[in-house]
Amino acid sequence: GALELAGDLPPRHRAAASELRAGVTTAAERLSEIIGL
């Protein structure tokens, strides 16, 4: 998320950082689901 907000980051890299943050967040949520079961 900090990398996504960097002002000197090209749009293509900012989009990649946004996808990385979303993927990590989804992975954390899926991990919580599995452990909860």
All heavy atoms as atom14 arrays in JSON, in Angstrom:
{
  "sequence": "GALELAGDLPPRHRAAASELRAGVTTAAERLSEIIGL",
  "atom14_mask": [
    [1, 1, 1, 1, 0, 0, 0, 0, 0, 0, 0, 0, 0, 0],
    [1, 1, 1, 1, 1, 0, 0, 0, 0, 0, 0, 0, 0, 0],
    [1, 1, 1, 1, 1, 1, 1, 1, 0, 0, 0, 0, 0, 0],
    [1, 1, 1, 1, 1, 1, 1, 1, 1, 0, 0, 0, 0, 0],
    [1, 1, 1, 1, 1, 1, 1, 1, 0, 0, 0, 0, 0, 0],
    [1, 1, 1, 1, 1, 0, 0, 0, 0, 0, 0, 0, 0, 0],
    [1, 1, 1, 1, 0, 0, 0, 0, 0, 0, 0, 0, 0, 0],
    [1, 1, 1, 1, 1, 1, 1, 1, 0, 0, 0, 0, 0, 0],
    [1, 1, 1, 1, 1, 1, 1, 1, 0, 0, 0, 0, 0, 0],
    [1, 1, 1, 1, 1, 1, 1, 0, 0, 0, 0, 0, 0, 0],
    [1, 1, 1, 1, 1, 1, 1, 0, 0, 0, 0, 0, 0, 0],
    [1, 1, 1, 1, 1, 1, 1, 1, 1, 1, 1, 0, 0, 0],
    [1, 1, 1, 1, 1, 1, 1, 1, 1, 1, 0, 0, 0, 0],
    [1, 1, 1, 1, 1, 1, 1, 1, 1, 1, 1, 0, 0, 0],
    [1, 1, 1, 1, 1, 0, 0, 0, 0, 0, 0, 0, 0, 0],
    [1, 1, 1, 1, 1, 0, 0, 0, 0, 0, 0, 0, 0, 0],
    [1, 1, 1, 1, 1, 0, 0, 0, 0, 0, 0, 0, 0, 0],
    [1, 1, 1, 1, 1, 1, 0, 0, 0, 0, 0, 0, 0, 0],
    [1, 1, 1, 1, 1, 1, 1, 1, 1, 0, 0, 0, 0, 0],
    [1, 1, 1, 1, 1, 1, 1, 1, 0, 0, 0, 0, 0, 0],
    [1, 1, 1, 1, 1, 1, 1, 1, 1, 1, 1, 0, 0, 0],
    [1, 1, 1, 1, 1, 0, 0, 0, 0, 0, 0, 0, 0, 0],
    [1, 1, 1, 1, 0, 0, 0, 0, 0, 0, 0, 0, 0, 0],
    [1, 1, 1, 1, 1, 1, 1, 0, 0, 0, 0, 0, 0, 0],
    [1, 1, 1, 1, 1, 1, 1, 0, 0, 0, 0, 0, 0, 0],
    [1, 1, 1, 1, 1, 1, 1, 0, 0, 0, 0, 0, 0, 0],
    [1, 1, 1, 1, 1, 0, 0, 0, 0, 0, 0, 0, 0, 0],
    [1, 1, 1, 1, 1, 0, 0, 0, 0, 0, 0, 0, 0, 0],
    [1, 1, 1, 1, 1, 1, 1, 1, 1, 0, 0, 0, 0, 0],
    [1, 1, 1, 1, 1, 1, 1, 1, 1, 1, 1, 0, 0, 0],
    [1, 1, 1, 1, 1, 1, 1, 1, 0, 0, 0, 0, 0, 0],
    [1, 1, 1, 1, 1, 1, 0, 0, 0, 0, 0, 0, 0, 0],
    [1, 1, 1, 1, 1, 1, 1, 1, 1, 0, 0, 0, 0, 0],
    [1, 1, 1, 1, 1, 1, 1, 1, 0, 0, 0, 0, 0, 0],
    [1, 1, 1, 1, 1, 1, 1, 1, 0, 0, 0, 0, 0, 0],
    [1, 1, 1, 1, 0, 0, 0, 0, 0, 0, 0, 0, 0, 0],
    [1, 1, 1, 1, 1, 1, 1, 1, 0, 0, 0, 0, 0, 0]
  ],
  "atom14_positions": [
    [[0.81, -1.21, 0.0], [0.0, 0.0, 0.0], [0.85, 1.26, 0.0], [0.52, 2.25, -0.68], [0.0, 0.0, 0.0], [0.0, 0.0, 0.0], [0.0, 0.0, 0.0], [0.0, 0.0, 0.0], [0.0, 0.0, 0.0], [0.0, 0.0, 0.0], [0.0, 0.0, 0.0], [0.0, 0.0, 0.0], [0.0, 0.0, 0.0], [0.0, 0.0, 0.0]],
    [[1.95, 1.24, 0.76], [2.85, 2.39, 0.75], [3.49, 2.58, -0.63], [3.65, 3.71, -1.12], [3.93, 2.21, 1.82], [0.0, 0.0, 0.0], [0.0, 0.0, 0.0], [0.0, 0.0, 0.0], [0.0, 0.0, 0.0], [0.0, 0.0, 0.0], [0.0, 0.0, 0.0], [0.0, 0.0, 0.0], [0.0, 0.0, 0.0], [0.0, 0.0, 0.0]],
    [[3.84, 1.46, -1.27], [4.41, 1.55, -2.61], [3.37, 2.08, -3.61], [3.7, 2.85, -4.52], [4.9, 0.16, -3.05], [5.61, 0.07, -4.41], [6.87, 0.91, -4.41], [5.94, -1.38, -4.74], [0.0, 0.0, 0.0], [0.0, 0.0, 0.0], [0.0, 0.0, 0.0], [0.0, 0.0, 0.0], [0.0, 0.0, 0.0], [0.0, 0.0, 0.0]],
    [[2.13, 1.72, -3.41], [1.07, 2.17, -4.31], [0.87, 3.68, -4.22], [0.54, 4.35, -5.21], [-0.23, 1.45, -3.96], [-1.42, 1.82, -4.84], [-2.68, 1.13, -4.39], [-2.63, 0.37, -3.39], [-3.72, 1.38, -5.03], [0.0, 0.0, 0.0], [0.0, 0.0, 0.0], [0.0, 0.0, 0.0], [0.0, 0.0, 0.0], [0.0, 0.0, 0.0]],
    [[1.11, 4.25, -3.04], [0.9, 5.68, -2.83], [2.13, 6.54, -3.16], [2.07, 7.77, -3.03], [0.49, 5.94, -1.37], [-0.85, 5.31, -0.95], [-1.1, 5.58, 0.53], [-1.99, 5.84, -1.79], [0.0, 0.0, 0.0], [0.0, 0.0, 0.0], [0.0, 0.0, 0.0], [0.0, 0.0, 0.0], [0.0, 0.0, 0.0], [0.0, 0.0, 0.0]],
    [[3.21, 5.89, -3.55], [4.42, 6.66, -3.88], [4.15, 7.55, -5.1], [3.6, 7.11, -6.13], [5.58, 5.71, -4.16], [0.0, 0.0, 0.0], [0.0, 0.0, 0.0], [0.0, 0.0, 0.0], [0.0, 0.0, 0.0], [0.0, 0.0, 0.0], [0.0, 0.0, 0.0], [0.0, 0.0, 0.0], [0.0, 0.0, 0.0], [0.0, 0.0, 0.0]],
    [[4.54, 8.83, -4.99], [4.23, 9.78, -6.06], [5.05, 9.59, -7.32], [4.6, 9.93, -8.42], [0.0, 0.0, 0.0], [0.0, 0.0, 0.0], [0.0, 0.0, 0.0], [0.0, 0.0, 0.0], [0.0, 0.0, 0.0], [0.0, 0.0, 0.0], [0.0, 0.0, 0.0], [0.0, 0.0, 0.0], [0.0, 0.0, 0.0], [0.0, 0.0, 0.0]],
    [[6.27, 9.07, -7.22], [7.14, 8.93, -8.38], [7.02, 7.57, -9.05], [7.86, 7.19, -9.87], [8.6, 9.15, -7.97], [9.03, 8.21, -6.85], [8.14, 7.57, -6.24], [10.24, 8.12, -6.56], [0.0, 0.0, 0.0], [0.0, 0.0, 0.0], [0.0, 0.0, 0.0], [0.0, 0.0, 0.0], [0.0, 0.0, 0.0], [0.0, 0.0, 0.0]],
    [[5.99, 6.78, -8.69], [5.84, 5.44, -9.26], [5.04, 5.52, -10.55], [4.0, 6.17, -10.6], [5.11, 4.52, -8.26], [5.18, 3.02, -8.55], [6.6, 2.49, -8.38], [4.24, 2.28, -7.61], [0.0, 0.0, 0.0], [0.0, 0.0, 0.0], [0.0, 0.0, 0.0], [0.0, 0.0, 0.0], [0.0, 0.0, 0.0], [0.0, 0.0, 0.0]],
    [[5.52, 4.89, -11.63], [4.77, 4.88, -12.9], [3.41, 4.21, -12.71], [3.22, 3.36, -11.83], [5.66, 4.07, -13.85], [7.02, 4.16, -13.25], [6.84, 4.23, -11.78], [0.0, 0.0, 0.0], [0.0, 0.0, 0.0], [0.0, 0.0, 0.0], [0.0, 0.0, 0.0], [0.0, 0.0, 0.0], [0.0, 0.0, 0.0], [0.0, 0.0, 0.0]],
    [[2.42, 4.59, -13.5], [1.08, 4.01, -13.37], [1.06, 2.5, -13.48], [0.3, 1.82, -12.79], [0.29, 4.68, -14.49], [1.01, 5.97, -14.74], [2.46, 5.68, -14.51], [0.0, 0.0, 0.0], [0.0, 0.0, 0.0], [0.0, 0.0, 0.0], [0.0, 0.0, 0.0], [0.0, 0.0, 0.0], [0.0, 0.0, 0.0], [0.0, 0.0, 0.0]],
    [[1.91, 1.98, -14.4], [1.92, 0.52, -14.57], [2.38, -0.18, -13.28], [1.8, -1.17, -12.85], [2.83, 0.15, -15.74], [2.91, -1.34, -16.02], [3.63, -1.56, -17.35], [4.97, -0.97, -17.34], [6.06, -1.61, -16.9], [5.94, -2.85, -16.44], [7.24, -1.04, -16.93], [0.0, 0.0, 0.0], [0.0, 0.0, 0.0], [0.0, 0.0, 0.0]],
    [[3.42, 0.38, -12.65], [3.92, -0.21, -11.41], [2.95, 0.02, -10.25], [2.82, -0.82, -9.37], [5.29, 0.37, -11.08], [6.35, -0.03, -12.05], [7.59, 0.59, -12.11], [6.34, -0.97, -13.05], [8.3, 0.04, -13.08], [7.56, -0.91, -13.67], [0.0, 0.0, 0.0], [0.0, 0.0, 0.0], [0.0, 0.0, 0.0], [0.0, 0.0, 0.0]],
    [[2.26, 1.17, -10.26], [1.29, 1.43, -9.22], [0.12, 0.42, -9.3], [-0.38, -0.07, -8.28], [0.76, 2.86, -9.33], [-0.25, 3.22, -8.23], [-0.67, 4.68, -8.29], [0.41, 5.55, -7.87], [1.12, 6.31, -8.7], [0.83, 6.29, -10.01], [2.09, 7.08, -8.26], [0.0, 0.0, 0.0], [0.0, 0.0, 0.0], [0.0, 0.0, 0.0]],
    [[-0.28, 0.09, -10.52], [-1.34, -0.91, -10.69], [-0.88, -2.28, -10.2], [-1.64, -3.03, -9.56], [-1.78, -0.98, -12.15], [0.0, 0.0, 0.0], [0.0, 0.0, 0.0], [0.0, 0.0, 0.0], [0.0, 0.0, 0.0], [0.0, 0.0, 0.0], [0.0, 0.0, 0.0], [0.0, 0.0, 0.0], [0.0, 0.0, 0.0], [0.0, 0.0, 0.0]],
    [[0.4, -2.6, -10.5], [0.93, -3.88, -10.03], [0.98, -3.92, -8.5], [0.66, -4.94, -7.87], [2.32, -4.13, -10.62], [0.0, 0.0, 0.0], [0.0, 0.0, 0.0], [0.0, 0.0, 0.0], [0.0, 0.0, 0.0], [0.0, 0.0, 0.0], [0.0, 0.0, 0.0], [0.0, 0.0, 0.0], [0.0, 0.0, 0.0], [0.0, 0.0, 0.0]],
    [[1.37, -2.79, -7.87], [1.4, -2.74, -6.4], [0.0, -2.88, -5.83], [-0.22, -3.53, -4.78], [2.05, -1.44, -5.94], [0.0, 0.0, 0.0], [0.0, 0.0, 0.0], [0.0, 0.0, 0.0], [0.0, 0.0, 0.0], [0.0, 0.0, 0.0], [0.0, 0.0, 0.0], [0.0, 0.0, 0.0], [0.0, 0.0, 0.0], [0.0, 0.0, 0.0]],
    [[-0.99, -2.26, -6.51], [-2.36, -2.38, -6.04], [-2.84, -3.82, -6.12], [-3.5, -4.33, -5.2], [-3.27, -1.47, -6.87], [-4.62, -1.62, -6.48], [0.0, 0.0, 0.0], [0.0, 0.0, 0.0], [0.0, 0.0, 0.0], [0.0, 0.0, 0.0], [0.0, 0.0, 0.0], [0.0, 0.0, 0.0], [0.0, 0.0, 0.0], [0.0, 0.0, 0.0]],
    [[-2.49, -4.5, -7.22], [-2.88, -5.91, -7.34], [-2.19, -6.77, -6.29], [-2.77, -7.71, -5.74], [-2.54, -6.41, -8.74], [-3.39, -5.76, -9.85], [-2.96, -6.23, -11.23], [-2.01, -7.05, -11.3], [-3.56, -5.8, -12.23], [0.0, 0.0, 0.0], [0.0, 0.0, 0.0], [0.0, 0.0, 0.0], [0.0, 0.0, 0.0], [0.0, 0.0, 0.0]],
    [[-0.91, -6.43, -6.01], [-0.18, -7.18, -4.98], [-0.83, -7.0, -3.62], [-1.02, -7.97, -2.87], [1.27, -6.69, -4.94], [2.14, -7.28, -3.82], [2.25, -8.78, -3.96], [3.52, -6.63, -3.82], [0.0, 0.0, 0.0], [0.0, 0.0, 0.0], [0.0, 0.0, 0.0], [0.0, 0.0, 0.0], [0.0, 0.0, 0.0], [0.0, 0.0, 0.0]],
    [[-1.21, -5.77, -3.27], [-1.84, -5.53, -1.99], [-3.18, -6.27, -1.89], [-3.49, -6.89, -0.88], [-2.06, -4.03, -1.79], [-2.77, -3.67, -0.49], [-2.96, -2.18, -0.37], [-3.73, -1.65, -1.49], [-5.07, -1.73, -1.57], [-5.77, -2.31, -0.62], [-5.7, -1.21, -2.62], [0.0, 0.0, 0.0], [0.0, 0.0, 0.0], [0.0, 0.0, 0.0]],
    [[-3.97, -6.21, -2.98], [-5.25, -6.92, -2.97], [-5.06, -8.43, -2.85], [-5.81, -9.12, -2.13], [-6.05, -6.58, -4.22], [0.0, 0.0, 0.0], [0.0, 0.0, 0.0], [0.0, 0.0, 0.0], [0.0, 0.0, 0.0], [0.0, 0.0, 0.0], [0.0, 0.0, 0.0], [0.0, 0.0, 0.0], [0.0, 0.0, 0.0], [0.0, 0.0, 0.0]],
    [[-4.05, -8.96, -3.55], [-3.81, -10.4, -3.48], [-3.36, -10.84, -2.1], [-3.8, -11.88, -1.59], [0.0, 0.0, 0.0], [0.0, 0.0, 0.0], [0.0, 0.0, 0.0], [0.0, 0.0, 0.0], [0.0, 0.0, 0.0], [0.0, 0.0, 0.0], [0.0, 0.0, 0.0], [0.0, 0.0, 0.0], [0.0, 0.0, 0.0], [0.0, 0.0, 0.0]],
    [[-2.48, -10.04, -1.47], [-2.03, -10.39, -0.13], [-3.18, -10.32, 0.86], [-3.33, -11.17, 1.75], [-0.86, -9.48, 0.29], [-0.52, -9.69, 1.75], [0.37, -9.75, -0.58], [0.0, 0.0, 0.0], [0.0, 0.0, 0.0], [0.0, 0.0, 0.0], [0.0, 0.0, 0.0], [0.0, 0.0, 0.0], [0.0, 0.0, 0.0], [0.0, 0.0, 0.0]],
    [[-4.02, -9.29, 0.71], [-5.17, -9.17, 1.61], [-6.13, -10.34, 1.44], [-6.64, -10.91, 2.42], [-5.91, -7.85, 1.33], [-5.01, -6.75, 1.5], [-7.1, -7.69, 2.27], [0.0, 0.0, 0.0], [0.0, 0.0, 0.0], [0.0, 0.0, 0.0], [0.0, 0.0, 0.0], [0.0, 0.0, 0.0], [0.0, 0.0, 0.0], [0.0, 0.0, 0.0]],
    [[-6.38, -10.75, 0.19], [-7.23, -11.91, -0.05], [-6.63, -13.18, 0.53], [-7.34, -14.01, 1.11], [-7.47, -12.08, -1.56], [-8.07, -10.89, -2.08], [-8.39, -13.25, -1.83], [0.0, 0.0, 0.0], [0.0, 0.0, 0.0], [0.0, 0.0, 0.0], [0.0, 0.0, 0.0], [0.0, 0.0, 0.0], [0.0, 0.0, 0.0], [0.0, 0.0, 0.0]],
    [[-5.29, -13.33, 0.37], [-4.63, -14.51, 0.93], [-4.77, -14.55, 2.45], [-5.0, -15.62, 3.03], [-3.16, -14.52, 0.53], [0.0, 0.0, 0.0], [0.0, 0.0, 0.0], [0.0, 0.0, 0.0], [0.0, 0.0, 0.0], [0.0, 0.0, 0.0], [0.0, 0.0, 0.0], [0.0, 0.0, 0.0], [0.0, 0.0, 0.0], [0.0, 0.0, 0.0]],
    [[-4.64, -13.4, 3.11], [-4.8, -13.36, 4.56], [-6.21, -13.74, 4.97], [-6.43, -14.46, 5.96], [-4.44, -11.97, 5.08], [0.0, 0.0, 0.0], [0.0, 0.0, 0.0], [0.0, 0.0, 0.0], [0.0, 0.0, 0.0], [0.0, 0.0, 0.0], [0.0, 0.0, 0.0], [0.0, 0.0, 0.0], [0.0, 0.0, 0.0], [0.0, 0.0, 0.0]],
    [[-7.2, -13.26, 4.22], [-8.59, -13.6, 4.54], [-8.86, -15.09, 4.32], [-9.55, -15.73, 5.13], [-9.53, -12.75, 3.69], [-9.47, -11.27, 4.01], [-10.32, -10.44, 3.06], [-10.93, -11.05, 2.15], [-10.37, -9.21, 3.22], [0.0, 0.0, 0.0], [0.0, 0.0, 0.0], [0.0, 0.0, 0.0], [0.0, 0.0, 0.0], [0.0, 0.0, 0.0]],
    [[-8.31, -15.65, 3.22], [-8.51, -17.08, 2.96], [-7.83, -17.91, 4.05], [-8.34, -18.96, 4.47], [-7.96, -17.46, 1.58], [-8.72, -16.83, 0.43], [-10.16, -17.32, 0.4], [-10.92, -16.68, -0.66], [-11.63, -15.59, -0.52], [-11.68, -14.99, 0.68], [-12.3, -15.07, -1.52], [0.0, 0.0, 0.0], [0.0, 0.0, 0.0], [0.0, 0.0, 0.0]],
    [[-6.66, -17.46, 4.49], [-5.96, -18.16, 5.57], [-6.82, -18.15, 6.84], [-6.93, -19.16, 7.53], [-4.61, -17.49, 5.84], [-3.81, -18.05, 7.03], [-3.41, -19.49, 6.76], [-2.57, -17.19, 7.28], [0.0, 0.0, 0.0], [0.0, 0.0, 0.0], [0.0, 0.0, 0.0], [0.0, 0.0, 0.0], [0.0, 0.0, 0.0], [0.0, 0.0, 0.0]],
    [[-7.45, -17.02, 7.12], [-8.32, -16.94, 8.29], [-9.52, -17.87, 8.15], [-9.94, -18.49, 9.12], [-8.79, -15.49, 8.48], [-9.66, -15.38, 9.58], [0.0, 0.0, 0.0], [0.0, 0.0, 0.0], [0.0, 0.0, 0.0], [0.0, 0.0, 0.0], [0.0, 0.0, 0.0], [0.0, 0.0, 0.0], [0.0, 0.0, 0.0], [0.0, 0.0, 0.0]],
    [[-10.08, -17.98, 6.93], [-11.2, -18.9, 6.71], [-10.79, -20.34, 6.99], [-11.49, -21.09, 7.68], [-11.7, -18.77, 5.27], [-12.37, -17.45, 4.94], [-12.8, -17.43, 3.48], [-13.04, -18.52, 2.92], [-12.89, -16.34, 2.9], [0.0, 0.0, 0.0], [0.0, 0.0, 0.0], [0.0, 0.0, 0.0], [0.0, 0.0, 0.0], [0.0, 0.0, 0.0]],
    [[-9.66, -20.75, 6.43], [-9.22, -22.15, 6.56], [-8.93, -22.48, 8.01], [-9.36, -23.51, 8.54], [-7.98, -22.39, 5.68], [-8.35, -22.22, 4.19], [-7.42, -23.78, 5.93], [-7.17, -22.27, 3.26], [0.0, 0.0, 0.0], [0.0, 0.0, 0.0], [0.0, 0.0, 0.0], [0.0, 0.0, 0.0], [0.0, 0.0, 0.0], [0.0, 0.0, 0.0]],
    [[-8.21, -21.6, 8.7], [-7.89, -21.87, 10.1], [-9.15, -21.86, 10.94], [-9.29, -22.63, 11.9], [-6.87, -20.83, 10.61], [-5.57, -20.92, 9.79], [-6.56, -21.06, 12.08], [-4.93, -22.28, 9.79], [0.0, 0.0, 0.0], [0.0, 0.0, 0.0], [0.0, 0.0, 0.0], [0.0, 0.0, 0.0], [0.0, 0.0, 0.0], [0.0, 0.0, 0.0]],
    [[-10.1, -21.0, 10.58], [-11.36, -20.98, 11.33], [-12.12, -22.28, 11.2], [-12.79, -22.72, 12.14], [0.0, 0.0, 0.0], [0.0, 0.0, 0.0], [0.0, 0.0, 0.0], [0.0, 0.0, 0.0], [0.0, 0.0, 0.0], [0.0, 0.0, 0.0], [0.0, 0.0, 0.0], [0.0, 0.0, 0.0], [0.0, 0.0, 0.0], [0.0, 0.0, 0.0]],
    [[-12.04, -22.95, 10.05], [-12.71, -24.23, 9.87], [-12.01, -25.34, 10.63], [-12.65, -26.28, 11.11], [-12.78, -24.6, 8.38], [-13.67, -23.69, 7.52], [-13.55, -24.11, 6.06], [-15.12, -23.75, 7.97], [0.0, 0.0, 0.0], [0.0, 0.0, 0.0], [0.0, 0.0, 0.0], [0.0, 0.0, 0.0], [0.0, 0.0, 0.0], [0.0, 0.0, 0.0]]
  ]
}
